[in-house]
Amino acid sequence: MDLVLELRKQFDREDTQAIIRRKGLSVADVLRDLESAVNAYVDIVDENITKPWF
């Protein structure tokens, strides 16, 4: 998840690729981190949708 936050701070593709290379990550590593971040976001949204509003 930290990787996703770091990548979000970058605005151009070259910076993002440099972070991935510097950390020695593979595409699979990046996709796993992105999947984890998306799942966490979906859990938060689901929790807020199902929470009673009164």
PDB file of N, CA and C in Angstrom:
ATOM      1  N   MET A   1       0.819  -1.194   0.000  1.00  0.00           N
ATOM      2  CA  MET A   1       0.000   0.000   0.000  1.00  0.00           C
ATOM      3  C   MET A   1       0.864   1.259   0.000  1.00  0.00           C
ATOM      4  N   ASP A   2       2.010   1.221   0.664  1.00  0.00           N
ATOM      5  CA  ASP A   2       2.899   2.373   0.661  1.00  0.00           C
ATOM      6  C   ASP A   2       3.366   2.696  -0.743  1.00  0.00           C
ATOM      7  N   LEU A   3       3.598   1.665  -1.533  1.00  0.00           N
ATOM      8  CA  LEU A   3       4.028   1.880  -2.911  1.00  0.00           C
ATOM      9  C   LEU A   3       2.965   2.643  -3.682  1.00  0.00           C
ATOM     10  N   VAL A   4       1.713   2.281  -3.487  1.00  0.00           N
ATOM     11  CA  VAL A   4       0.620   2.953  -4.196  1.00  0.00           C
ATOM     12  C   VAL A   4       0.597   4.436  -3.822  1.00  0.00           C
ATOM     13  N   LEU A   5       0.742   4.740  -2.554  1.00  0.00           N
ATOM     14  CA  LEU A   5       0.740   6.136  -2.126  1.00  0.00           C
ATOM     15  C   LEU A   5       1.908   6.893  -2.737  1.00  0.00           C
ATOM     16  N   GLU A   6       3.066   6.257  -2.784  1.00  0.00           N
ATOM     17  CA  GLU A   6       4.233   6.901  -3.383  1.00  0.00           C
ATOM     18  C   GLU A   6       4.018   7.123  -4.879  1.00  0.00           C
ATOM     19  N   LEU A   7       3.442   6.147  -5.547  1.00  0.00           N
ATOM     20  CA  LEU A   7       3.198   6.284  -6.984  1.00  0.00           C
ATOM     21  C   LEU A   7       2.158   7.367  -7.271  1.00  0.00           C
ATOM     22  N   ARG A   8       1.173   7.493  -6.401  1.00  0.00           N
ATOM     23  CA  ARG A   8       0.141   8.521  -6.607  1.00  0.00           C
ATOM     24  C   ARG A   8       0.722   9.914  -6.568  1.00  0.00           C
ATOM     25  N   LYS A   9       1.805  10.099  -5.827  1.00  0.00           N
ATOM     26  CA  LYS A   9       2.428  11.413  -5.721  1.00  0.00           C
ATOM     27  C   LYS A   9       3.165  11.796  -7.004  1.00  0.00           C
ATOM     28  N   GLN A  10       3.450  10.826  -7.828  1.00  0.00           N
ATOM     29  CA  GLN A  10       4.189  11.079  -9.067  1.00  0.00           C
ATOM     30  C   GLN A  10       3.218  11.407 -10.182  1.00  0.00           C
ATOM     31  N   PHE A  11       3.595  12.368 -11.024  1.00  0.00           N
ATOM     32  CA  PHE A  11       2.669  12.791 -12.056  1.00  0.00           C
ATOM     33  C   PHE A  11       3.024  12.317 -13.444  1.00  0.00           C
ATOM     34  N   ASP A  12       4.285  12.052 -13.705  1.00  0.00           N
ATOM     35  CA  ASP A  12       4.576  11.585 -15.055  1.00  0.00           C
ATOM     36  C   ASP A  12       5.090  10.157 -15.033  1.00  0.00           C
ATOM     37  N   ARG A  13       4.951   9.516 -16.142  1.00  0.00           N
ATOM     38  CA  ARG A  13       5.218   8.085 -16.246  1.00  0.00           C
ATOM     39  C   ARG A  13       6.669   7.735 -15.933  1.00  0.00           C
ATOM     40  N   GLU A  14       7.603   8.579 -16.346  1.00  0.00           N
ATOM     41  CA  GLU A  14       9.017   8.291 -16.107  1.00  0.00           C
ATOM     42  C   GLU A  14       9.326   8.237 -14.618  1.00  0.00           C
ATOM     43  N   ASP A  15       8.754   9.131 -13.828  1.00  0.00           N
ATOM     44  CA  ASP A  15       8.980   9.104 -12.387  1.00  0.00           C
ATOM     45  C   ASP A  15       8.448   7.810 -11.781  1.00  0.00           C
ATOM     46  N   THR A  16       7.280   7.390 -12.216  1.00  0.00           N
ATOM     47  CA  THR A  16       6.677   6.157 -11.715  1.00  0.00           C
ATOM     48  C   THR A  16       7.553   4.957 -12.060  1.00  0.00           C
ATOM     49  N   GLN A  17       8.023   4.902 -13.285  1.00  0.00           N
ATOM     50  CA  GLN A  17       8.896   3.802 -13.692  1.00  0.00           C
ATOM     51  C   GLN A  17      10.191   3.820 -12.896  1.00  0.00           C
ATOM     52  N   ALA A  18      10.722   4.998 -12.607  1.00  0.00           N
ATOM     53  CA  ALA A  18      11.968   5.106 -11.835  1.00  0.00           C
ATOM     54  C   ALA A  18      11.777   4.559 -10.420  1.00  0.00           C
ATOM     55  N   ILE A  19      10.635   4.845  -9.811  1.00  0.00           N
ATOM     56  CA  ILE A  19      10.366   4.325  -8.460  1.00  0.00           C
ATOM     57  C   ILE A  19      10.311   2.806  -8.493  1.00  0.00           C
ATOM     58  N   ILE A  20       9.606   2.264  -9.482  1.00  0.00           N
ATOM     59  CA  ILE A  20       9.473   0.815  -9.587  1.00  0.00           C
ATOM     60  C   ILE A  20      10.842   0.167  -9.785  1.00  0.00           C
ATOM     61  N   ARG A  21      11.647   0.728 -10.673  1.00  0.00           N
ATOM     62  CA  ARG A  21      12.995   0.178 -10.919  1.00  0.00           C
ATOM     63  C   ARG A  21      13.869   0.302  -9.675  1.00  0.00           C
ATOM     64  N   ARG A  22      13.841   1.462  -9.028  1.00  0.00           N
ATOM     65  CA  ARG A  22      14.682   1.697  -7.855  1.00  0.00           C
ATOM     66  C   ARG A  22      14.354   0.708  -6.740  1.00  0.00           C
ATOM     67  N   LYS A  23      13.093   0.378  -6.592  1.00  0.00           N
ATOM     68  CA  LYS A  23      12.697  -0.569  -5.554  1.00  0.00           C
ATOM     69  C   LYS A  23      12.899  -2.017  -5.990  1.00  0.00           C
ATOM     70  N   GLY A  24      13.280  -2.226  -7.249  1.00  0.00           N
ATOM     71  CA  GLY A  24      13.528  -3.572  -7.740  1.00  0.00           C
ATOM     72  C   GLY A  24      12.265  -4.420  -7.815  1.00  0.00           C
ATOM     73  N   LEU A  25      11.156  -3.792  -8.117  1.00  0.00           N
ATOM     74  CA  LEU A  25       9.878  -4.505  -8.140  1.00  0.00           C
ATOM     75  C   LEU A  25       9.557  -5.019  -9.538  1.00  0.00           C
ATOM     76  N   SER A  26       8.728  -6.021  -9.556  1.00  0.00           N
ATOM     77  CA  SER A  26       8.235  -6.551 -10.825  1.00  0.00           C
ATOM     78  C   SER A  26       6.831  -5.995 -11.065  1.00  0.00           C
ATOM     79  N   VAL A  27       6.329  -6.187 -12.261  1.00  0.00           N
ATOM     80  CA  VAL A  27       4.963  -5.784 -12.577  1.00  0.00           C
ATOM     81  C   VAL A  27       3.990  -6.499 -11.638  1.00  0.00           C
ATOM     82  N   ALA A  28       4.244  -7.758 -11.356  1.00  0.00           N
ATOM     83  CA  ALA A  28       3.361  -8.522 -10.460  1.00  0.00           C
ATOM     84  C   ALA A  28       3.317  -7.890  -9.065  1.00  0.00           C
ATOM     85  N   ASP A  29       4.466  -7.417  -8.571  1.00  0.00           N
ATOM     86  CA  ASP A  29       4.502  -6.758  -7.259  1.00  0.00           C
ATOM     87  C   ASP A  29       3.628  -5.502  -7.259  1.00  0.00           C
ATOM     88  N   VAL A  30       3.761  -4.720  -8.314  1.00  0.00           N
ATOM     89  CA  VAL A  30       2.995  -3.478  -8.414  1.00  0.00           C
ATOM     90  C   VAL A  30       1.498  -3.783  -8.503  1.00  0.00           C
ATOM     91  N   LEU A  31       1.138  -4.766  -9.315  1.00  0.00           N
ATOM     92  CA  LEU A  31      -0.278  -5.128  -9.453  1.00  0.00           C
ATOM     93  C   LEU A  31      -0.850  -5.645  -8.140  1.00  0.00           C
ATOM     94  N   ARG A  32      -0.057  -6.404  -7.396  1.00  0.00           N
ATOM     95  CA  ARG A  32      -0.513  -6.899  -6.087  1.00  0.00           C
ATOM     96  C   ARG A  32      -0.784  -5.726  -5.138  1.00  0.00           C
ATOM     97  N   ASP A  33       0.126  -4.751  -5.113  1.00  0.00           N
ATOM     98  CA  ASP A  33      -0.071  -3.588  -4.249  1.00  0.00           C
ATOM     99  C   ASP A  33      -1.290  -2.776  -4.686  1.00  0.00           C
ATOM    100  N   LEU A  34      -1.479  -2.618  -5.986  1.00  0.00           N
ATOM    101  CA  LEU A  34      -2.642  -1.891  -6.481  1.00  0.00           C
ATOM    102  C   LEU A  34      -3.933  -2.626  -6.134  1.00  0.00           C
ATOM    103  N   GLU A  35      -3.911  -3.944  -6.279  1.00  0.00           N
ATOM    104  CA  GLU A  35      -5.090  -4.742  -5.937  1.00  0.00           C
ATOM    105  C   GLU A  35      -5.431  -4.586  -4.455  1.00  0.00           C
ATOM    106  N   SER A  36      -4.414  -4.602  -3.625  1.00  0.00           N
ATOM    107  CA  SER A  36      -4.613  -4.445  -2.183  1.00  0.00           C
ATOM    108  C   SER A  36      -5.229  -3.082  -1.869  1.00  0.00           C
ATOM    109  N   ALA A  37      -4.736  -2.044  -2.523  1.00  0.00           N
ATOM    110  CA  ALA A  37      -5.261  -0.697  -2.294  1.00  0.00           C
ATOM    111  C   ALA A  37      -6.714  -0.585  -2.747  1.00  0.00           C
ATOM    112  N   VAL A  38      -7.021  -1.155  -3.906  1.00  0.00           N
ATOM    113  CA  VAL A  38      -8.395  -1.119  -4.420  1.00  0.00           C
ATOM    114  C   VAL A  38      -9.322  -1.888  -3.484  1.00  0.00           C
ATOM    115  N   ASN A  39      -8.895  -3.050  -3.039  1.00  0.00           N
ATOM    116  CA  ASN A  39      -9.720  -3.847  -2.123  1.00  0.00           C
ATOM    117  C   ASN A  39      -9.981  -3.103  -0.818  1.00  0.00           C
ATOM    118  N   ALA A  40      -8.976  -2.420  -0.303  1.00  0.00           N
ATOM    119  CA  ALA A  40      -9.143  -1.650   0.928  1.00  0.00           C
ATOM    120  C   ALA A  40     -10.153  -0.520   0.709  1.00  0.00           C
ATOM    121  N   TYR A  41     -10.069   0.142  -0.432  1.00  0.00           N
ATOM    122  CA  TYR A  41     -11.000   1.220  -0.755  1.00  0.00           C
ATOM    123  C   TYR A  41     -12.433   0.684  -0.877  1.00  0.00           C
ATOM    124  N   VAL A  42     -12.576  -0.444  -1.547  1.00  0.00           N
ATOM    125  CA  VAL A  42     -13.900  -1.057  -1.714  1.00  0.00           C
ATOM    126  C   VAL A  42     -14.485  -1.438  -0.354  1.00  0.00           C
ATOM    127  N   ASP A  43     -13.650  -1.954   0.531  1.00  0.00           N
ATOM    128  CA  ASP A  43     -14.125  -2.299   1.879  1.00  0.00           C
ATOM    129  C   ASP A  43     -14.645  -1.070   2.610  1.00  0.00           C
ATOM    130  N   ILE A  44     -13.945   0.047   2.484  1.00  0.00           N
ATOM    131  CA  ILE A  44     -14.373   1.290   3.141  1.00  0.00           C
ATOM    132  C   ILE A  44     -15.700   1.762   2.560  1.00  0.00           C
ATOM    133  N   VAL A  45     -15.805   1.734   1.240  1.00  0.00           N
ATOM    134  CA  VAL A  45     -17.054   2.160   0.590  1.00  0.00           C
ATOM    135  C   VAL A  45     -18.196   1.245   0.995  1.00  0.00           C
ATOM    136  N   ASP A  46     -17.963  -0.062   0.968  1.00  0.00           N
ATOM    137  CA  ASP A  46     -19.013  -1.015   1.372  1.00  0.00           C
ATOM    138  C   ASP A  46     -19.467  -0.762   2.805  1.00  0.00           C
ATOM    139  N   GLU A  47     -18.522  -0.506   3.684  1.00  0.00           N
ATOM    140  CA  GLU A  47     -18.848  -0.260   5.087  1.00  0.00           C
ATOM    141  C   GLU A  47     -19.700   0.999   5.226  1.00  0.00           C
ATOM    142  N   ASN A  48     -19.351   2.034   4.481  1.00  0.00           N
ATOM    143  CA  ASN A  48     -20.102   3.289   4.565  1.00  0.00           C
ATOM    144  C   ASN A  48     -21.490   3.169   3.944  1.00  0.00           C
ATOM    145  N   ILE A  49     -21.623   2.354   2.919  1.00  0.00           N
ATOM    146  CA  ILE A  49     -22.924   2.179   2.273  1.00  0.00           C
ATOM    147  C   ILE A  49     -23.872   1.393   3.174  1.00  0.00           C
ATOM    148  N   THR A  50     -23.343   0.382   3.849  1.00  0.00           N
ATOM    149  CA  THR A  50     -24.203  -0.482   4.657  1.00  0.00           C
ATOM    150  C   THR A  50     -24.438   0.060   6.065  1.00  0.00           C
ATOM    151  N   LYS A  51     -23.706   1.101   6.446  1.00  0.00           N
ATOM    152  CA  LYS A  51     -23.860   1.679   7.785  1.00  0.00           C
ATOM    153  C   LYS A  51     -25.182   2.454   7.858  1.00  0.00           C
ATOM    154  N   PRO A  52     -25.944   2.254   8.924  1.00  0.00           N
ATOM    155  CA  PRO A  52     -27.186   3.028   9.049  1.00  0.00           C
ATOM    156  C   PRO A  52     -26.875   4.525   9.191  1.00  0.00           C
ATOM    157  N   TRP A  53     -27.684   5.343   8.589  1.00  0.00           N
ATOM    158  CA  TRP A  53     -27.464   6.788   8.593  1.00  0.00           C
ATOM    159  C   TRP A  53     -28.193   7.495   9.725  1.00  0.00           C
ATOM    160  N   PHE A  54     -28.833   6.729  10.609  1.00  0.00           N
ATOM    161  CA  PHE A  54     -29.562   7.390  11.699  1.00  0.00           C
ATOM    162  C   PHE A  54     -29.045   6.960  13.034  1.00  0.00           C
TER     163      PHE A  54
END
